[in-house]
Amino acid sequence: MIDPQLIFEELVSQATKQQAKSLTVLHGVLEAHQKTGSRNFSIATIAKLSVEAGGPSASTIRNTGGFRFRQLIEAWAASVGTDRKLPAKSKEQGVPSDNELVRRIDDPALRAVFTQILAERRRYLAELNLLKSQKDIVVDRRPNVVEISQESESVRMRPANTPS
């Protein structure tokens, strides 16, 4: 098991005066965060808590000069059995897929209706995306009137030439 206190002391001994001060604040933030039972030791989360306590910001931690801050965060994350990455969300928390929803329906008639609704939804979403992709849509709002002239030409019918 990694002891974050030993790593903290090692990092402070190698750091500049300002970095040592920031490391001390960050160490306190990480210790308090670990006591809450959270397993989220992502830079974004820790930096947000750190800034509130007067410690280094996310950009300071991510910069090349912030490697000591990252090492300390990694040490604390390892001490609780996780890493610096944001914990992945489980699939149960998200919205189930269309196929998963259809499989949950026991009644075949209802399943068929639901499948048709899903197909219609996909068709409408495709149409919506197509319309969104068009930059300029021109709508012709002129009246749709066809003028027919009242003058008609007379047509004469002549008898066909028949041989006598």
C-alpha atoms as a PDB file:
ATOM      1  CA  MET A   1       0.000   0.000   0.000  1.00  0.00           C
ATOM      2  CA  ILE A   2       1.302   3.416  -0.947  1.00  0.00           C
ATOM      3  CA  ASP A   3       1.646   5.941   1.852  1.00  0.00           C
ATOM      4  CA  PRO A   4       0.754   9.383   0.453  1.00  0.00           C
ATOM      5  CA  GLN A   5       2.335  11.063   3.491  1.00  0.00           C
ATOM      6  CA  LEU A   6       5.804   9.736   2.583  1.00  0.00           C
ATOM      7  CA  ILE A   7       5.400  10.821  -1.042  1.00  0.00           C
ATOM      8  CA  PHE A   8       4.189  14.236   0.117  1.00  0.00           C
ATOM      9  CA  GLU A   9       7.276  14.699   2.313  1.00  0.00           C
ATOM     10  CA  GLU A  10       9.549  13.618  -0.538  1.00  0.00           C
ATOM     11  CA  LEU A  11       7.885  16.012  -2.995  1.00  0.00           C
ATOM     12  CA  VAL A  12       8.025  18.959  -0.540  1.00  0.00           C
ATOM     13  CA  SER A  13      11.734  18.388   0.013  1.00  0.00           C
ATOM     14  CA  GLN A  14      12.353  18.685  -3.762  1.00  0.00           C
ATOM     15  CA  ALA A  15       9.986  21.598  -4.397  1.00  0.00           C
ATOM     16  CA  THR A  16      10.483  25.355  -4.420  1.00  0.00           C
ATOM     17  CA  LYS A  17       9.038  27.433  -1.575  1.00  0.00           C
ATOM     18  CA  GLN A  18       5.884  28.346  -3.548  1.00  0.00           C
ATOM     19  CA  GLN A  19       5.389  24.773  -4.762  1.00  0.00           C
ATOM     20  CA  ALA A  20       5.829  23.466  -1.214  1.00  0.00           C
ATOM     21  CA  LYS A  21       3.092  25.819  -0.028  1.00  0.00           C
ATOM     22  CA  SER A  22       0.787  24.693  -2.861  1.00  0.00           C
ATOM     23  CA  LEU A  23       1.636  21.046  -2.198  1.00  0.00           C
ATOM     24  CA  THR A  24       0.688  21.487   1.464  1.00  0.00           C
ATOM     25  CA  VAL A  25      -2.702  22.943   0.509  1.00  0.00           C
ATOM     26  CA  LEU A  26      -3.242  20.216  -2.093  1.00  0.00           C
ATOM     27  CA  HIS A  27      -2.252  17.516   0.413  1.00  0.00           C
ATOM     28  CA  GLY A  28      -4.860  18.815   2.867  1.00  0.00           C
ATOM     29  CA  VAL A  29      -7.502  18.890   0.127  1.00  0.00           C
ATOM     30  CA  LEU A  30      -6.670  15.331  -0.937  1.00  0.00           C
ATOM     31  CA  GLU A  31      -6.763  14.092   2.639  1.00  0.00           C
ATOM     32  CA  ALA A  32     -10.188  15.666   3.205  1.00  0.00           C
ATOM     33  CA  HIS A  33     -11.416  14.305  -0.137  1.00  0.00           C
ATOM     34  CA  GLN A  34     -10.275  10.795   0.755  1.00  0.00           C
ATOM     35  CA  LYS A  35     -12.100  10.983   4.103  1.00  0.00           C
ATOM     36  CA  THR A  36     -15.384  11.675   2.267  1.00  0.00           C
ATOM     37  CA  GLY A  37     -15.059   8.217   0.711  1.00  0.00           C
ATOM     38  CA  SER A  38     -15.000   9.503  -2.853  1.00  0.00           C
ATOM     39  CA  ARG A  39     -13.018   7.541  -5.419  1.00  0.00           C
ATOM     40  CA  ASN A  40     -12.941  10.384  -7.952  1.00  0.00           C
ATOM     41  CA  PHE A  41      -9.388  11.708  -7.975  1.00  0.00           C
ATOM     42  CA  SER A  42      -9.580  13.317 -11.420  1.00  0.00           C
ATOM     43  CA  ILE A  43      -7.593  16.506 -11.934  1.00  0.00           C
ATOM     44  CA  ALA A  44     -10.780  18.472 -12.624  1.00  0.00           C
ATOM     45  CA  THR A  45     -12.402  17.435  -9.341  1.00  0.00           C
ATOM     46  CA  ILE A  46      -9.293  17.863  -7.203  1.00  0.00           C
ATOM     47  CA  ALA A  47      -8.415  21.202  -8.828  1.00  0.00           C
ATOM     48  CA  LYS A  48     -11.912  22.529  -8.127  1.00  0.00           C
ATOM     49  CA  LEU A  49     -11.552  21.633  -4.447  1.00  0.00           C
ATOM     50  CA  SER A  50      -7.980  22.938  -4.416  1.00  0.00           C
ATOM     51  CA  VAL A  51      -8.917  26.344  -5.831  1.00  0.00           C
ATOM     52  CA  GLU A  52     -11.623  26.697  -3.173  1.00  0.00           C
ATOM     53  CA  ALA A  53      -8.947  26.068  -0.522  1.00  0.00           C
ATOM     54  CA  GLY A  54      -6.457  28.462  -2.144  1.00  0.00           C
ATOM     55  CA  GLY A  55      -4.359  25.779  -3.832  1.00  0.00           C
ATOM     56  CA  PRO A  56      -3.246  25.183  -7.416  1.00  0.00           C
ATOM     57  CA  SER A  57      -5.715  25.364 -10.304  1.00  0.00           C
ATOM     58  CA  ALA A  58      -6.354  22.721 -12.959  1.00  0.00           C
ATOM     59  CA  SER A  59      -4.079  24.425 -15.479  1.00  0.00           C
ATOM     60  CA  THR A  60      -1.260  24.618 -12.914  1.00  0.00           C
ATOM     61  CA  ILE A  61      -1.621  20.921 -12.153  1.00  0.00           C
ATOM     62  CA  ARG A  62      -1.735  19.959 -15.844  1.00  0.00           C
ATOM     63  CA  ASN A  63       1.229  22.128 -16.899  1.00  0.00           C
ATOM     64  CA  THR A  64       4.658  20.537 -17.252  1.00  0.00           C
ATOM     65  CA  GLY A  65       5.759  22.195 -14.015  1.00  0.00           C
ATOM     66  CA  GLY A  66       2.845  20.589 -12.167  1.00  0.00           C
ATOM     67  CA  PHE A  67       4.269  17.075 -12.262  1.00  0.00           C
ATOM     68  CA  ARG A  68       4.722  17.113  -8.469  1.00  0.00           C
ATOM     69  CA  PHE A  69       1.037  17.929  -7.990  1.00  0.00           C
ATOM     70  CA  ARG A  70       0.085  15.089 -10.336  1.00  0.00           C
ATOM     71  CA  GLN A  71       2.375  12.686  -8.465  1.00  0.00           C
ATOM     72  CA  LEU A  72       0.719  13.600  -5.178  1.00  0.00           C
ATOM     73  CA  ILE A  73      -2.769  13.130  -6.649  1.00  0.00           C
ATOM     74  CA  GLU A  74      -1.729   9.768  -8.095  1.00  0.00           C
ATOM     75  CA  ALA A  75      -0.353   8.699  -4.707  1.00  0.00           C
ATOM     76  CA  TRP A  76      -3.636   9.525  -2.980  1.00  0.00           C
ATOM     77  CA  ALA A  77      -5.632   7.803  -5.731  1.00  0.00           C
ATOM     78  CA  ALA A  78      -3.462   4.686  -5.441  1.00  0.00           C
ATOM     79  CA  SER A  79      -3.897   4.678  -1.657  1.00  0.00           C
ATOM     80  CA  VAL A  80      -7.671   4.218  -2.091  1.00  0.00           C
ATOM     81  CA  GLY A  81      -7.247   1.701  -4.911  1.00  0.00           C
ATOM     82  CA  THR A  82      -8.147   3.845  -7.914  1.00  0.00           C
ATOM     83  CA  ASP A  83      -6.331   6.079 -10.372  1.00  0.00           C
ATOM     84  CA  ARG A  84      -6.375   9.694 -11.450  1.00  0.00           C
ATOM     85  CA  LYS A  85      -8.852   9.072 -14.254  1.00  0.00           C
ATOM     86  CA  LEU A  86     -12.504   9.895 -13.816  1.00  0.00           C
ATOM     87  CA  PRO A  87     -14.325   6.743 -12.692  1.00  0.00           C
ATOM     88  CA  ALA A  88     -16.310   5.128 -15.509  1.00  0.00           C
ATOM     89  CA  LYS A  89     -20.058   5.232 -15.190  1.00  0.00           C
ATOM     90  CA  SER A  90     -21.709   1.875 -14.976  1.00  0.00           C
ATOM     91  CA  LYS A  91     -24.064   0.876 -17.782  1.00  0.00           C
ATOM     92  CA  GLU A  92     -26.953   0.561 -15.345  1.00  0.00           C
ATOM     93  CA  GLN A  93     -26.958   4.317 -14.725  1.00  0.00           C
ATOM     94  CA  GLY A  94     -27.448   5.240 -18.376  1.00  0.00           C
ATOM     95  CA  VAL A  95     -30.536   5.034 -20.536  1.00  0.00           C
ATOM     96  CA  PRO A  96     -31.010   1.540 -21.958  1.00  0.00           C
ATOM     97  CA  SER A  97     -30.612   1.073 -25.706  1.00  0.00           C
ATOM     98  CA  ASP A  98     -33.594   0.609 -28.017  1.00  0.00           C
ATOM     99  CA  ASN A  99     -32.956  -3.117 -28.423  1.00  0.00           C
ATOM    100  CA  GLU A 100     -32.682  -3.560 -24.677  1.00  0.00           C
ATOM    101  CA  LEU A 101     -36.027  -1.822 -24.193  1.00  0.00           C
ATOM    102  CA  VAL A 102     -37.676  -4.031 -26.817  1.00  0.00           C
ATOM    103  CA  ARG A 103     -36.293  -7.175 -25.155  1.00  0.00           C
ATOM    104  CA  ARG A 104     -37.871  -6.148 -21.854  1.00  0.00           C
ATOM    105  CA  ILE A 105     -41.388  -6.149 -23.343  1.00  0.00           C
ATOM    106  CA  ASP A 106     -43.092  -9.535 -22.929  1.00  0.00           C
ATOM    107  CA  ASP A 107     -46.267  -8.940 -24.964  1.00  0.00           C
ATOM    108  CA  PRO A 108     -45.539  -9.597 -28.692  1.00  0.00           C
ATOM    109  CA  ALA A 109     -48.213  -7.166 -29.928  1.00  0.00           C
ATOM    110  CA  LEU A 110     -46.931  -4.389 -27.718  1.00  0.00           C
ATOM    111  CA  ARG A 111     -43.360  -5.216 -28.735  1.00  0.00           C
ATOM    112  CA  ALA A 112     -44.323  -4.863 -32.437  1.00  0.00           C
ATOM    113  CA  VAL A 113     -45.994  -1.501 -31.842  1.00  0.00           C
ATOM    114  CA  PHE A 114     -43.019  -0.301 -29.831  1.00  0.00           C
ATOM    115  CA  THR A 115     -40.618  -1.409 -32.585  1.00  0.00           C
ATOM    116  CA  GLN A 116     -42.644   0.599 -35.131  1.00  0.00           C
ATOM    117  CA  ILE A 117     -42.505   3.640 -32.855  1.00  0.00           C
ATOM    118  CA  LEU A 118     -38.744   3.297 -32.535  1.00  0.00           C
ATOM    119  CA  ALA A 119     -38.367   3.018 -36.327  1.00  0.00           C
ATOM    120  CA  GLU A 120     -40.488   6.130 -36.778  1.00  0.00           C
ATOM    121  CA  ARG A 121     -38.378   7.936 -34.189  1.00  0.00           C
ATOM    122  CA  ARG A 122     -35.174   7.001 -36.031  1.00  0.00           C
ATOM    123  CA  ARG A 123     -36.680   8.232 -39.308  1.00  0.00           C
ATOM    124  CA  TYR A 124     -37.669  11.567 -37.753  1.00  0.00           C
ATOM    125  CA  LEU A 125     -34.235  11.976 -36.155  1.00  0.00           C
ATOM    126  CA  ALA A 126     -32.582  11.346 -39.522  1.00  0.00           C
ATOM    127  CA  GLU A 127     -34.845  13.954 -41.136  1.00  0.00           C
ATOM    128  CA  LEU A 128     -34.111  16.401 -38.341  1.00  0.00           C
ATOM    129  CA  ASN A 129     -30.365  15.930 -38.746  1.00  0.00           C
ATOM    130  CA  LEU A 130     -30.694  16.429 -42.489  1.00  0.00           C
ATOM    131  CA  LEU A 131     -32.569  19.684 -41.952  1.00  0.00           C
ATOM    132  CA  LYS A 132     -30.034  20.842 -39.386  1.00  0.00           C
ATOM    133  CA  SER A 133     -27.220  20.231 -41.865  1.00  0.00           C
ATOM    134  CA  GLN A 134     -28.752  22.623 -44.405  1.00  0.00           C
ATOM    135  CA  LYS A 135     -27.271  26.060 -43.929  1.00  0.00           C
ATOM    136  CA  ASP A 136     -29.820  28.038 -45.939  1.00  0.00           C
ATOM    137  CA  ILE A 137     -33.383  26.958 -46.323  1.00  0.00           C
ATOM    138  CA  VAL A 138     -35.361  29.115 -48.732  1.00  0.00           C
ATOM    139  CA  VAL A 139     -39.105  29.047 -48.400  1.00  0.00           C
ATOM    140  CA  ASP A 140     -41.034  30.391 -51.385  1.00  0.00           C
ATOM    141  CA  ARG A 141     -44.041  32.183 -49.926  1.00  0.00           C
ATOM    142  CA  ARG A 142     -45.409  33.588 -53.178  1.00  0.00           C
ATOM    143  CA  PRO A 143     -49.005  32.676 -53.860  1.00  0.00           C
ATOM    144  CA  ASN A 144     -49.424  29.592 -55.975  1.00  0.00           C
ATOM    145  CA  VAL A 145     -51.823  31.012 -58.597  1.00  0.00           C
ATOM    146  CA  VAL A 146     -52.028  29.918 -62.198  1.00  0.00           C
ATOM    147  CA  GLU A 147     -53.520  32.412 -64.610  1.00  0.00           C
ATOM    148  CA  ILE A 148     -55.528  31.001 -67.461  1.00  0.00           C
ATOM    149  CA  SER A 149     -56.268  33.393 -70.288  1.00  0.00           C
ATOM    150  CA  GLN A 150     -59.914  33.676 -71.227  1.00  0.00           C
ATOM    151  CA  GLU A 151     -59.160  34.031 -74.903  1.00  0.00           C
ATOM    152  CA  SER A 152     -59.415  30.729 -76.638  1.00  0.00           C
ATOM    153  CA  GLU A 153     -58.563  30.212 -80.210  1.00  0.00           C
ATOM    154  CA  SER A 154     -61.236  28.606 -82.238  1.00  0.00           C
ATOM    155  CA  VAL A 155     -60.334  25.409 -83.909  1.00  0.00           C
ATOM    156  CA  ARG A 156     -62.023  24.414 -87.118  1.00  0.00           C
ATOM    157  CA  MET A 157     -62.515  20.838 -87.977  1.00  0.00           C
ATOM    158  CA  ARG A 158     -62.157  19.995 -91.630  1.00  0.00           C
ATOM    159  CA  PRO A 159     -63.296  16.830 -93.164  1.00  0.00           C
ATOM    160  CA  ALA A 160     -60.588  14.396 -94.050  1.00  0.00           C
ATOM    161  CA  ASN A 161     -59.681  14.105 -97.704  1.00  0.00           C
ATOM    162  CA  THR A 162     -61.291  10.970 -98.903  1.00  0.00           C
ATOM    163  CA  PRO A 163     -60.538   9.532-102.326  1.00  0.00           C
ATOM    164  CA  SER A 164     -63.555   9.394-104.574  1.00  0.00           C
END
